[in-house]
Amino acid sequence: MRSKRLAQLPPYLFVEIDRLRESYLRSGRGILDLGIGDPDLGAPQELVDALVRALSNSSHHRYPPSRGSIRLIDAVRSWAMRYHGAALDRDEVLVTIGSKEAIAHLPLAIVDPGDAVLIPDPGYPVYCSSAGFAGASCVRMPLDEEADFKPRFSDIAPDDLALARLMFLNYPNNPTAAVADREFYLEAIEFCRSHRLALASDAAYSEIWYEEPTVPVFPLAREAEIPYVEFFSFSKTFSATGWRVGYAVGTKEIIASLSQLKNNIDSGVFGAIQEAVAETMERHYEGIMSRIRDVYRERRDELAAHLERSGLSFAVPRATFYFWIRTPRGMGSMEFCRLLLEECGIVATPGIGFGEKGEGFFRLSITAATETVREAGRRIEALGGRLGVR
């Protein structure tokens, strides 16, 4: 038994890579897995200790408040004021089960069947699948390297705009690692205002930056008084993907709609986790983030050095823990990822998995041990020499 909705989902494009990986493991050969963006660092000890303390509070073993604990909401508000000068009201913040579920539920909350949703290509597959589940169509906005992986709003067809109700943006970007500046966001905000679009920003990687902090949407969109929502996740920020906790900041109407939908679907995040995250934000945020960025910066620089010597074409990431790399000699992304696994024992993610505009690229993640990243870099450098890329 299978619904027609599930039949609409695109096929799983990594089956062959998974098959080859399993074959490698069964043969006793080790692999270097740089394919998934799942932080290996583990939750910071300060966060773990705070959770242990929170577990003894019996009130957390009951249902949590539907919009999230006041303490965590206030911790988010303090963060927004301290780092971005935005004085948020409590009803502009919603605690979520990570950012993925909130992104997936957003179209169900604010668009109707027959509407269109603008999504980046390449982009996180959940944007399009969630629109489809809501009965909306997906209009893909190409992200071209020539445009620094930013959509050209003027290229969107008028007929598509007539149906559009929502636009997704994602910076720092997965998979390209591109970042957006204030001027781009102001352009996006004005475009959304002109065409009566709600703006949804996926900022899951906002705190993983290297030389300079990234720019969020919410202070600008809030000041412009357009309908918007921005999603943040502690999965990447605190290397705690399994904890499933994040938050959304947005206009009161969108936050209320998303909260109403979620009230009918889930019962929130375990209260002890919310308290632990709140305490960590209040007391240890800067120290933890500095440590995490230092680790990723070392890995980034290590891999970048090998990639430069390999002759492959890429840009050094300014944020995220991803490298977006052109395949050599015009090879297809699946073809090259298969070659990487067979020749080097390296698992990478083919760009086609993120949309048609991802073809010709592959993604590497530095969420593996530093020595694993270093060895993968050495092997790719050697492969580049064998392929004559340099």
Protein backbone atom coordinates (compact mmCIF):
# COMPACT_ATOMS: atom_id res chain seq x y z
CA MET A 1 0.00 0.00 0.00
CA ARG A 2 1.45 3.35 -1.03
CA SER A 3 -0.11 6.78 -1.45
CA LYS A 4 0.04 8.75 -4.68
CA ARG A 5 1.93 11.45 -2.75
CA LEU A 6 4.86 9.12 -2.17
CA ALA A 7 4.81 8.11 -5.81
CA GLN A 8 5.44 11.76 -6.69
CA LEU A 9 8.80 11.78 -4.88
CA PRO A 10 11.86 11.60 -7.14
CA PRO A 11 13.80 8.31 -7.19
CA TYR A 12 16.60 7.81 -4.75
CA LEU A 13 19.66 8.68 -6.81
CA PHE A 14 22.37 7.30 -4.55
CA VAL A 15 21.45 3.61 -4.73
CA GLU A 16 24.50 2.71 -6.83
CA ILE A 17 26.87 4.62 -4.53
CA ASP A 18 25.34 2.86 -1.52
CA ARG A 19 25.71 -0.49 -3.26
CA LEU A 20 29.38 0.14 -3.98
CA ARG A 21 29.97 1.36 -0.43
CA GLU A 22 28.44 -1.80 1.01
CA SER A 23 30.54 -3.89 -1.38
CA TYR A 24 33.66 -2.11 -0.12
CA LEU A 25 32.75 -2.75 3.49
CA ARG A 26 31.96 -6.42 2.90
CA SER A 27 35.34 -6.94 1.23
CA GLY A 28 37.09 -5.59 4.30
CA ARG A 29 38.29 -2.43 2.59
CA GLY A 30 37.92 0.75 4.60
CA ILE A 31 36.17 3.80 3.27
CA LEU A 32 36.59 7.51 3.91
CA ASP A 33 33.04 8.82 4.19
CA LEU A 34 32.76 12.50 3.28
CA GLY A 35 29.28 12.08 1.89
CA ILE A 36 26.96 13.11 4.70
CA GLY A 37 26.72 16.38 6.62
CA ASP A 38 26.42 14.78 10.04
CA PRO A 39 28.87 16.41 12.50
CA ASP A 40 31.25 13.93 14.09
CA LEU A 41 32.29 16.23 16.96
CA GLY A 42 29.46 15.24 19.25
CA ALA A 43 27.48 17.53 21.50
CA PRO A 44 29.70 19.85 23.59
CA GLN A 45 30.30 18.68 27.13
CA GLU A 46 28.64 21.82 28.50
CA LEU A 47 25.45 20.87 26.66
CA VAL A 48 25.60 17.24 27.81
CA ASP A 49 26.15 18.30 31.43
CA ALA A 50 23.22 20.70 31.23
CA LEU A 51 20.99 17.92 29.92
CA VAL A 52 21.99 15.59 32.75
CA ARG A 53 20.99 18.26 35.25
CA ALA A 54 17.72 18.97 33.45
CA LEU A 55 16.71 15.30 33.46
CA SER A 56 16.14 15.42 37.21
CA ASN A 57 13.36 17.99 36.77
CA SER A 58 10.21 15.87 36.73
CA SER A 59 8.20 18.55 34.96
CA HIS A 60 10.19 17.86 31.79
CA HIS A 61 8.75 14.35 31.62
CA ARG A 62 5.35 15.77 30.73
CA TYR A 63 4.29 17.44 27.49
CA PRO A 64 6.31 20.59 26.77
CA PRO A 65 4.63 23.94 25.95
CA SER A 66 3.34 23.83 22.38
CA ARG A 67 5.46 26.74 21.13
CA GLY A 68 8.49 25.80 23.18
CA SER A 69 9.76 26.59 26.65
CA ILE A 70 9.81 30.23 27.66
CA ARG A 71 13.43 29.87 28.73
CA LEU A 72 14.58 28.67 25.32
CA ILE A 73 12.44 31.23 23.50
CA ASP A 74 13.95 33.96 25.66
CA ALA A 75 17.46 32.61 25.03
CA VAL A 76 16.79 32.91 21.30
CA ARG A 77 15.48 36.44 21.80
CA SER A 78 18.62 37.39 23.73
CA TRP A 79 20.78 35.91 20.97
CA ALA A 80 18.85 37.86 18.33
CA MET A 81 19.32 41.14 20.21
CA ARG A 82 22.97 40.55 21.10
CA TYR A 83 24.21 39.47 17.69
CA HIS A 84 21.71 41.07 15.30
CA GLY A 85 20.09 43.97 17.14
CA ALA A 86 16.56 42.57 16.73
CA ALA A 87 14.10 42.89 19.63
CA LEU A 88 11.86 39.87 19.00
CA ASP A 89 8.56 39.28 20.75
CA ARG A 90 7.94 35.82 22.13
CA ASP A 91 5.28 35.10 19.53
CA GLU A 92 7.86 35.65 16.78
CA VAL A 93 9.78 32.53 17.90
CA LEU A 94 8.81 28.87 17.63
CA VAL A 95 10.83 25.92 18.93
CA THR A 96 10.99 23.14 16.35
CA ILE A 97 12.08 19.52 16.08
CA GLY A 98 15.23 20.53 14.26
CA SER A 99 14.77 22.62 11.12
CA LYS A 100 13.90 19.81 8.69
CA GLU A 101 10.45 19.08 10.07
CA ALA A 102 9.56 22.76 10.26
CA ILE A 103 10.67 23.35 6.67
CA ALA A 104 8.68 20.30 5.57
CA HIS A 105 5.56 21.51 7.39
CA LEU A 106 5.70 25.12 6.24
CA PRO A 107 3.97 24.65 2.85
CA LEU A 108 1.17 22.70 4.55
CA ALA A 109 0.67 25.68 6.84
CA ILE A 110 0.71 28.58 4.37
CA VAL A 111 0.15 27.43 0.77
CA ASP A 112 -2.81 25.77 -0.94
CA PRO A 113 -3.17 23.14 -3.67
CA GLY A 114 -2.54 24.75 -7.03
CA ASP A 115 -0.11 27.33 -5.66
CA ALA A 116 3.56 27.36 -6.65
CA VAL A 117 6.66 27.41 -4.46
CA LEU A 118 9.96 28.86 -5.69
CA ILE A 119 12.93 26.69 -4.72
CA PRO A 120 16.69 26.87 -5.40
CA ASP A 121 18.31 24.36 -7.75
CA PRO A 122 20.59 22.81 -6.61
CA GLY A 123 18.95 22.71 -3.23
CA TYR A 124 17.84 20.69 -0.23
CA PRO A 125 15.35 18.12 -1.59
CA VAL A 126 12.86 18.76 1.25
CA TYR A 127 11.86 22.12 -0.26
CA CYS A 128 10.29 20.49 -3.29
CA SER A 129 8.94 17.36 -1.61
CA SER A 130 7.18 19.43 1.05
CA ALA A 131 5.59 21.63 -1.59
CA GLY A 132 4.38 18.54 -3.41
CA PHE A 133 2.83 17.09 -0.28
CA ALA A 134 0.90 20.35 0.11
CA GLY A 135 -0.44 20.07 -3.44
CA ALA A 136 1.74 22.90 -4.74
CA SER A 137 4.04 22.87 -7.74
CA CYS A 138 7.79 23.54 -7.59
CA VAL A 139 9.34 26.28 -9.68
CA ARG A 140 13.10 25.83 -9.73
CA MET A 141 15.38 28.86 -9.53
CA PRO A 142 18.76 27.93 -11.08
CA LEU A 143 21.84 28.69 -8.98
CA ASP A 144 24.67 29.22 -11.44
CA GLU A 145 28.33 29.51 -10.57
CA GLU A 146 28.54 32.64 -12.74
CA ALA A 147 26.01 34.32 -10.44
CA ASP A 148 27.79 33.15 -7.25
CA PHE A 149 25.05 30.56 -6.81
CA LYS A 150 22.33 33.19 -6.34
CA PRO A 151 18.99 33.05 -8.17
CA ARG A 152 18.28 35.62 -10.87
CA PHE A 153 14.82 36.77 -9.88
CA SER A 154 14.26 38.49 -13.22
CA ASP A 155 14.49 35.11 -14.98
CA ILE A 156 11.42 33.68 -13.22
CA ALA A 157 8.58 33.34 -15.74
CA PRO A 158 5.55 35.62 -15.19
CA ASP A 159 3.16 32.65 -15.37
CA ASP A 160 5.05 30.94 -12.55
CA LEU A 161 5.09 34.12 -10.49
CA ALA A 162 1.35 34.45 -10.87
CA LEU A 163 0.91 31.16 -9.00
CA ALA A 164 3.78 31.56 -6.52
CA ARG A 165 3.03 32.10 -2.83
CA LEU A 166 6.31 31.15 -1.18
CA MET A 167 10.03 31.37 -1.95
CA PHE A 168 12.74 29.30 -0.25
CA LEU A 169 16.29 30.62 0.08
CA ASN A 170 19.19 28.87 1.80
CA TYR A 171 22.37 30.68 2.82
CA PRO A 172 24.94 29.64 3.84
CA ASN A 173 24.00 27.20 1.11
CA ASN A 174 23.79 23.46 0.99
CA PRO A 175 25.29 22.09 -1.22
CA THR A 176 27.28 24.95 -2.79
CA ALA A 177 28.58 26.59 0.44
CA ALA A 178 27.75 30.02 -1.07
CA VAL A 179 26.95 32.87 1.30
CA ALA A 180 24.59 35.81 0.86
CA ASP A 181 25.16 39.44 1.79
CA ARG A 182 22.84 42.20 2.93
CA GLU A 183 22.39 43.60 -0.58
CA PHE A 184 21.20 40.27 -1.95
CA TYR A 185 18.70 39.85 0.86
CA LEU A 186 17.35 43.35 0.35
CA GLU A 187 16.82 42.50 -3.33
CA ALA A 188 15.05 39.27 -2.36
CA ILE A 189 12.87 41.07 0.18
CA GLU A 190 11.81 43.70 -2.36
CA PHE A 191 11.08 40.97 -4.91
CA CYS A 192 8.89 39.15 -2.40
CA ARG A 193 7.09 42.37 -1.53
CA SER A 194 6.44 43.18 -5.18
CA HIS A 195 5.01 39.74 -5.92
CA ARG A 196 3.28 39.12 -2.57
CA LEU A 197 5.46 36.15 -1.70
CA ALA A 198 6.27 34.80 1.73
CA LEU A 199 10.03 34.45 2.18
CA ALA A 200 11.39 31.33 3.88
CA SER A 201 15.08 31.26 4.74
CA ASP A 202 16.83 28.03 5.69
CA ALA A 203 19.69 29.18 7.93
CA ALA A 204 20.70 25.80 9.36
CA TYR A 205 24.39 26.56 8.69
CA SER A 206 24.35 30.19 9.82
CA GLU A 207 26.79 29.66 12.71
CA ILE A 208 29.35 27.60 10.78
CA TRP A 209 31.40 30.45 9.34
CA TYR A 210 35.13 31.11 9.14
CA GLU A 211 36.47 34.59 8.39
CA GLU A 212 33.38 36.68 9.10
CA PRO A 213 29.86 36.11 10.47
CA THR A 214 27.07 35.35 8.04
CA VAL A 215 24.08 37.64 7.52
CA PRO A 216 20.61 36.39 8.49
CA VAL A 217 17.37 37.45 6.82
CA PHE A 218 15.18 38.05 9.83
CA PRO A 219 16.36 41.52 10.96
CA LEU A 220 15.98 42.86 7.42
CA ALA A 221 12.69 41.13 6.62
CA ARG A 222 11.24 42.13 9.97
CA GLU A 223 12.12 45.76 9.38
CA ALA A 224 10.66 45.59 5.87
CA GLU A 225 7.42 44.15 7.30
CA ILE A 226 7.05 41.38 4.73
CA PRO A 227 5.76 37.89 5.59
CA TYR A 228 8.81 35.76 6.34
CA VAL A 229 10.17 32.91 8.42
CA GLU A 230 13.78 31.88 9.03
CA PHE A 231 14.75 28.42 10.26
CA PHE A 232 17.72 27.70 12.53
CA SER A 233 18.99 24.38 13.84
CA PHE A 234 21.10 23.33 16.79
CA SER A 235 21.94 20.16 14.85
CA LYS A 236 24.78 21.90 13.04
CA THR A 237 25.40 24.70 15.55
CA PHE A 238 26.04 22.38 18.50
CA SER A 239 26.95 19.21 16.55
CA ALA A 240 23.84 17.54 17.96
CA THR A 241 21.88 16.21 14.99
CA GLY A 242 20.33 13.42 17.05
CA TRP A 243 18.86 15.81 19.62
CA ARG A 244 16.32 17.17 17.11
CA VAL A 245 15.92 20.75 18.27
CA GLY A 246 15.86 24.04 16.41
CA TYR A 247 13.76 27.17 16.12
CA ALA A 248 12.00 29.44 13.67
CA VAL A 249 11.89 33.23 13.74
CA GLY A 250 9.19 34.92 11.71
CA THR A 251 6.19 37.17 11.40
CA LYS A 252 3.58 36.44 14.01
CA GLU A 253 1.04 35.23 11.44
CA ILE A 254 3.36 32.65 9.88
CA ILE A 255 4.64 31.48 13.26
CA ALA A 256 1.03 31.09 14.43
CA SER A 257 0.08 29.12 11.30
CA LEU A 258 3.07 26.82 11.59
CA SER A 259 2.43 26.35 15.30
CA GLN A 260 -1.23 25.49 14.66
CA LEU A 261 -0.25 22.86 12.11
CA LYS A 262 2.38 21.36 14.40
CA ASN A 263 -0.10 21.19 17.27
CA ASN A 264 -2.03 18.70 15.17
CA ILE A 265 1.03 16.66 14.20
CA ASP A 266 3.63 16.61 16.98
CA SER A 267 4.00 17.38 20.68
CA GLY A 268 7.18 19.41 20.65
CA VAL A 269 10.74 18.87 21.83
CA PHE A 270 11.57 17.07 25.09
CA GLY A 271 11.63 19.75 27.78
CA ALA A 272 14.98 18.68 29.25
CA ILE A 273 16.64 19.16 25.87
CA GLN A 274 15.12 22.63 25.59
CA GLU A 275 16.40 23.59 29.03
CA ALA A 276 19.88 22.25 28.27
CA VAL A 277 20.08 24.15 24.99
CA ALA A 278 18.81 27.34 26.64
CA GLU A 279 21.43 27.13 29.40
CA THR A 280 24.16 26.50 26.84
CA MET A 281 23.07 29.50 24.76
CA GLU A 282 23.00 31.69 27.86
CA ARG A 283 26.33 30.66 29.36
CA HIS A 284 28.62 28.99 26.83
CA TYR A 285 27.61 30.02 23.32
CA GLU A 286 30.66 31.98 22.17
CA GLY A 287 33.20 29.56 23.61
CA ILE A 288 31.55 26.52 22.08
CA MET A 289 31.13 28.08 18.65
CA SER A 290 34.75 29.27 18.63
CA ARG A 291 35.96 25.71 19.34
CA ILE A 292 33.73 24.16 16.69
CA ARG A 293 34.73 26.69 14.03
CA ASP A 294 38.41 26.13 14.80
CA VAL A 295 38.07 22.40 14.12
CA TYR A 296 36.22 22.90 10.85
CA ARG A 297 38.58 25.68 9.78
CA GLU A 298 41.56 23.36 10.19
CA ARG A 299 39.82 20.65 8.16
CA ARG A 300 38.72 23.14 5.52
CA ASP A 301 42.24 24.45 5.04
CA GLU A 302 43.68 20.93 4.95
CA LEU A 303 41.26 19.69 2.29
CA ALA A 304 41.48 22.92 0.28
CA ALA A 305 45.25 22.58 0.00
CA HIS A 306 44.98 19.08 -1.43
CA LEU A 307 42.15 20.03 -3.79
CA GLU A 308 44.15 22.96 -5.13
CA ARG A 309 47.05 20.63 -5.92
CA SER A 310 44.64 18.11 -7.50
CA GLY A 311 43.67 20.60 -10.19
CA LEU A 312 39.94 20.32 -9.50
CA SER A 313 37.85 23.48 -9.75
CA PHE A 314 36.25 24.73 -6.52
CA ALA A 315 35.93 27.74 -4.23
CA VAL A 316 37.22 27.64 -0.65
CA PRO A 317 34.10 27.66 1.56
CA ARG A 318 33.48 30.81 3.62
CA ALA A 319 30.81 28.98 5.63
CA THR A 320 29.23 25.52 6.08
CA PHE A 321 31.25 22.34 6.24
CA TYR A 322 30.81 21.53 2.53
CA PHE A 323 33.00 21.72 -0.56
CA TRP A 324 31.20 22.04 -3.93
CA ILE A 325 33.58 20.83 -6.62
CA ARG A 326 33.36 20.55 -10.40
CA THR A 327 33.81 17.09 -11.80
CA PRO A 328 36.82 16.81 -14.15
CA ARG A 329 36.64 16.46 -17.92
CA GLY A 330 32.89 16.97 -18.01
CA MET A 331 32.22 13.71 -16.16
CA GLY A 332 28.74 13.19 -14.77
CA SER A 333 28.39 13.58 -11.02
CA MET A 334 27.29 9.97 -10.44
CA GLU A 335 30.08 8.71 -12.71
CA PHE A 336 32.77 10.64 -10.84
CA CYS A 337 31.45 9.71 -7.39
CA ARG A 338 31.55 6.07 -8.46
CA LEU A 339 35.16 6.58 -9.60
CA LEU A 340 36.07 8.22 -6.28
CA LEU A 341 34.71 5.23 -4.40
CA GLU A 342 36.24 2.58 -6.64
CA GLU A 343 39.66 4.22 -7.05
CA CYS A 344 40.07 6.03 -3.72
CA GLY A 345 37.60 4.49 -1.28
CA ILE A 346 36.02 7.95 -0.79
CA VAL A 347 32.28 8.44 -0.41
CA ALA A 348 31.09 11.73 -1.91
CA THR A 349 27.64 13.08 -2.77
CA PRO A 350 26.80 13.50 -6.47
CA GLY A 351 25.48 16.95 -7.32
CA ILE A 352 22.57 15.62 -9.37
CA GLY A 353 20.99 14.53 -6.09
CA PHE A 354 20.28 18.20 -5.35
CA GLY A 355 18.61 18.99 -8.67
CA GLU A 356 19.41 19.28 -12.37
CA LYS A 357 21.71 22.26 -11.84
CA GLY A 358 23.83 20.11 -9.55
CA GLU A 359 24.99 17.99 -12.46
CA GLY A 360 28.69 18.38 -13.10
CA PHE A 361 29.50 18.88 -9.41
CA PHE A 362 30.05 16.74 -6.35
CA ARG A 363 29.95 17.60 -2.66
CA LEU A 364 32.42 16.68 0.06
CA SER A 365 31.70 17.13 3.75
CA ILE A 366 34.34 17.75 6.41
CA THR A 367 32.22 16.25 9.19
CA ALA A 368 34.66 13.38 9.59
CA ALA A 369 37.78 13.08 11.72
CA THR A 370 40.57 15.46 10.71
CA GLU A 371 42.86 12.58 9.75
CA THR A 372 40.08 11.12 7.57
CA VAL A 373 39.71 14.47 5.79
CA ARG A 374 43.48 14.71 5.39
CA GLU A 375 43.81 11.22 3.92
CA ALA A 376 40.86 11.81 1.58
CA GLY A 377 42.60 14.98 0.39
CA ARG A 378 45.81 13.06 -0.30
CA ARG A 379 43.96 10.45 -2.35
CA ILE A 380 42.05 13.02 -4.37
CA GLU A 381 45.29 14.89 -5.04
CA ALA A 382 46.86 11.68 -6.33
CA LEU A 383 43.77 10.88 -8.41
CA GLY A 384 43.96 14.32 -10.01
CA GLY A 385 47.49 13.53 -11.09
CA ARG A 386 46.47 10.16 -12.58
CA LEU A 387 43.58 11.78 -14.46
CA GLY A 388 45.81 14.53 -15.77
CA VAL A 389 43.62 17.24 -14.24
CA ARG A 390 46.59 19.30 -13.02
